[in-house]
């Protein structure tokens, strides 16, 4: 195609990269390895005294990250690491040569929250930043505010 940039798909498929990172209420995987996500979100409202976010699913897919070295680090709004998750990918032995090597991760949990603001989930492979996603914590002003969301320190 005239004017299209050139690309070598085999080279691109071997480069480590983050393909997606989602926060959701529910996750499952079918027998055919299809992922299902429900209730995808990027923020959570918490009460004034809560110290942990409610449980949620962190789901992600990487490419070219087989073996040791894949990790997700969670940073507070003050850019302080507050959680670290390490993963090791094993290639599917039935994959034909040249097939992209995906790693699908899904983990259910919570994070500690000291302040309202943007918490950053960063994916690294062997110390190289692959990308990430932000998760905003919004703190209600009071438990008696009738469900309205105050800004209580949110930027």
Protein backbone atom coordinates (compact mmCIF):
# COMPACT_ATOMS: atom_id res chain seq x y z
CA UNK A 1 0.00 0.00 0.00
CA UNK A 2 1.46 3.29 -1.05
CA UNK A 3 2.41 5.61 1.83
CA UNK A 4 2.06 3.00 4.59
CA UNK A 5 5.05 2.70 6.94
CA UNK A 6 7.05 -0.51 6.66
CA UNK A 7 6.90 -3.04 9.46
CA UNK A 8 8.30 -6.49 10.25
CA UNK A 9 5.60 -8.30 12.24
CA UNK A 10 8.00 -11.01 13.47
CA UNK A 11 10.29 -8.37 15.02
CA UNK A 12 7.37 -6.46 16.55
CA UNK A 13 5.88 -9.66 18.01
CA UNK A 14 9.12 -10.32 19.88
CA UNK A 15 9.35 -6.91 21.56
CA UNK A 16 8.13 -6.77 25.17
CA UNK A 17 5.03 -4.59 25.54
CA UNK A 18 1.90 -4.08 27.60
CA UNK A 19 -1.16 -4.67 25.42
CA UNK A 20 -3.85 -3.82 27.96
CA UNK A 21 -4.42 -3.28 31.67
CA UNK A 22 -7.98 -3.15 33.06
CA UNK A 23 -9.63 -2.80 36.45
CA UNK A 24 -12.95 -4.63 36.65
CA UNK A 25 -15.58 -6.12 38.96
CA UNK A 26 -15.55 -9.59 37.44
CA UNK A 27 -13.26 -11.71 35.25
CA UNK A 28 -13.41 -15.21 33.78
CA UNK A 29 -11.74 -17.21 31.06
CA UNK A 30 -13.43 -19.77 28.82
CA UNK A 31 -12.10 -23.18 27.80
CA UNK A 32 -11.13 -21.57 24.49
CA UNK A 33 -8.94 -19.07 26.42
CA UNK A 34 -11.29 -16.15 25.74
CA UNK A 35 -11.23 -13.53 28.49
CA UNK A 36 -14.45 -11.97 29.81
CA UNK A 37 -14.42 -8.65 31.67
CA UNK A 38 -17.44 -7.06 33.36
CA UNK A 39 -17.75 -3.75 35.12
CA UNK A 40 -14.58 -2.13 33.75
CA UNK A 41 -13.72 1.09 35.61
CA UNK A 42 -10.85 3.49 36.32
CA UNK A 43 -11.89 5.03 39.65
CA UNK A 44 -13.43 4.07 42.97
CA UNK A 45 -15.22 6.14 45.60
CA UNK A 46 -14.41 5.22 49.20
CA UNK A 47 -15.56 6.40 52.62
CA UNK A 48 -13.63 8.97 54.62
CA UNK A 49 -12.08 6.38 56.96
CA UNK A 50 -11.43 3.47 54.55
CA UNK A 51 -7.81 2.30 54.43
CA UNK A 52 -8.16 -0.18 51.53
CA UNK A 53 -9.97 -0.08 48.22
CA UNK A 54 -12.73 -2.64 47.72
CA UNK A 55 -11.62 -5.86 45.99
CA UNK A 56 -11.33 -5.67 42.22
CA UNK A 57 -9.75 -7.60 39.36
CA UNK A 58 -6.53 -6.34 37.78
CA UNK A 59 -6.36 -7.91 34.31
CA UNK A 60 -3.56 -7.41 31.83
CA UNK A 61 -1.94 -8.86 28.73
CA UNK A 62 1.69 -8.54 27.73
CA UNK A 63 3.64 -9.67 24.71
CA UNK A 64 7.23 -10.90 24.69
CA UNK A 65 7.53 -11.24 28.47
CA UNK A 66 8.16 -14.97 28.94
CA UNK A 67 10.33 -16.18 31.79
CA UNK A 68 11.19 -14.26 34.96
CA UNK A 69 11.12 -10.49 35.15
CA UNK A 70 7.52 -9.36 34.66
CA UNK A 71 6.17 -7.25 37.50
CA UNK A 72 3.39 -4.79 38.25
CA UNK A 73 4.29 -2.01 40.69
CA UNK A 74 1.58 0.17 42.24
CA UNK A 75 2.52 3.78 43.06
CA UNK A 76 0.63 6.07 45.45
CA UNK A 77 -0.37 9.62 44.44
CA UNK A 78 2.95 10.69 46.02
CA UNK A 79 4.82 8.34 43.58
CA UNK A 80 5.78 5.94 46.38
CA UNK A 81 5.65 2.20 45.56
CA UNK A 82 2.97 0.57 47.74
CA UNK A 83 2.62 -2.88 46.13
CA UNK A 84 4.65 -5.15 43.87
CA UNK A 85 3.40 -8.24 42.03
CA UNK A 86 5.84 -10.57 40.24
CA UNK A 87 4.96 -13.01 37.46
CA UNK A 88 6.76 -15.62 35.37
CA UNK A 89 5.41 -16.56 31.96
CA UNK A 90 5.74 -20.01 30.42
CA UNK A 91 5.30 -20.36 26.66
CA UNK A 92 2.64 -22.74 25.39
CA UNK A 93 4.56 -25.78 24.07
CA UNK A 94 1.88 -26.31 21.39
CA UNK A 95 2.38 -22.85 19.86
CA UNK A 96 3.87 -22.97 16.37
CA UNK A 97 7.20 -21.17 15.88
CA UNK A 98 6.74 -17.47 15.20
CA UNK A 99 3.49 -17.30 17.18
CA UNK A 100 3.26 -14.20 19.41
CA UNK A 101 3.98 -15.13 23.05
CA UNK A 102 1.24 -13.51 25.13
CA UNK A 103 1.06 -13.53 28.91
CA UNK A 104 -2.43 -13.04 30.39
CA UNK A 105 -2.54 -12.01 34.02
CA UNK A 106 -5.60 -11.67 36.23
CA UNK A 107 -5.44 -11.18 39.96
CA UNK A 108 -8.13 -10.20 42.43
CA UNK A 109 -7.22 -8.02 45.37
CA UNK A 110 -7.13 -4.60 46.92
CA UNK A 111 -4.64 -1.81 47.52
CA UNK A 112 -3.93 0.26 50.62
CA UNK A 113 -5.17 3.83 50.30
CA UNK A 114 -3.79 6.62 52.44
CA UNK A 115 -5.01 9.51 50.30
CA UNK A 116 -7.35 10.38 47.48
CA UNK A 117 -5.76 10.80 44.07
CA UNK A 118 -4.24 8.88 41.17
CA UNK A 119 -2.64 5.50 41.91
CA UNK A 120 -0.47 4.30 39.01
CA UNK A 121 -0.14 0.61 38.07
CA UNK A 122 3.09 0.23 36.06
CA UNK A 123 4.14 -2.91 34.16
CA UNK A 124 7.88 -3.65 33.96
CA UNK A 125 9.79 -6.43 32.25
CA UNK A 126 13.40 -6.81 33.36
CA UNK A 127 13.40 -3.20 34.65
CA UNK A 128 12.00 -1.82 31.36
CA UNK A 129 8.74 0.13 31.69
CA UNK A 130 6.15 -1.36 29.33
CA UNK A 131 3.30 1.00 30.21
CA UNK A 132 0.60 1.27 32.82
CA UNK A 133 -2.79 2.60 33.84
CA UNK A 134 -4.14 5.04 36.40
CA UNK A 135 -6.68 4.21 39.10
CA UNK A 136 -8.28 7.22 40.79
CA UNK A 137 -9.41 7.02 44.41
CA UNK A 138 -12.16 9.50 45.28
CA UNK A 139 -12.87 9.98 48.97
CA UNK A 140 -16.35 10.96 50.15
CA UNK A 141 -16.40 13.93 52.50
CA UNK A 142 -18.52 12.03 55.04
CA UNK A 143 -20.46 8.81 55.41
CA UNK A 144 -23.62 10.91 55.89
CA UNK A 145 -23.36 12.87 52.65
CA UNK A 146 -26.28 11.01 51.07
CA UNK A 147 -24.11 9.30 48.52
CA UNK A 148 -22.83 12.49 46.93
CA UNK A 149 -19.17 12.54 46.19
CA UNK A 150 -17.14 15.35 47.71
CA UNK A 151 -13.70 16.29 46.48
CA UNK A 152 -11.92 15.88 49.84
CA UNK A 153 -8.43 16.48 48.52
CA UNK A 154 -8.93 15.20 44.98
CA UNK A 155 -7.05 17.16 42.33
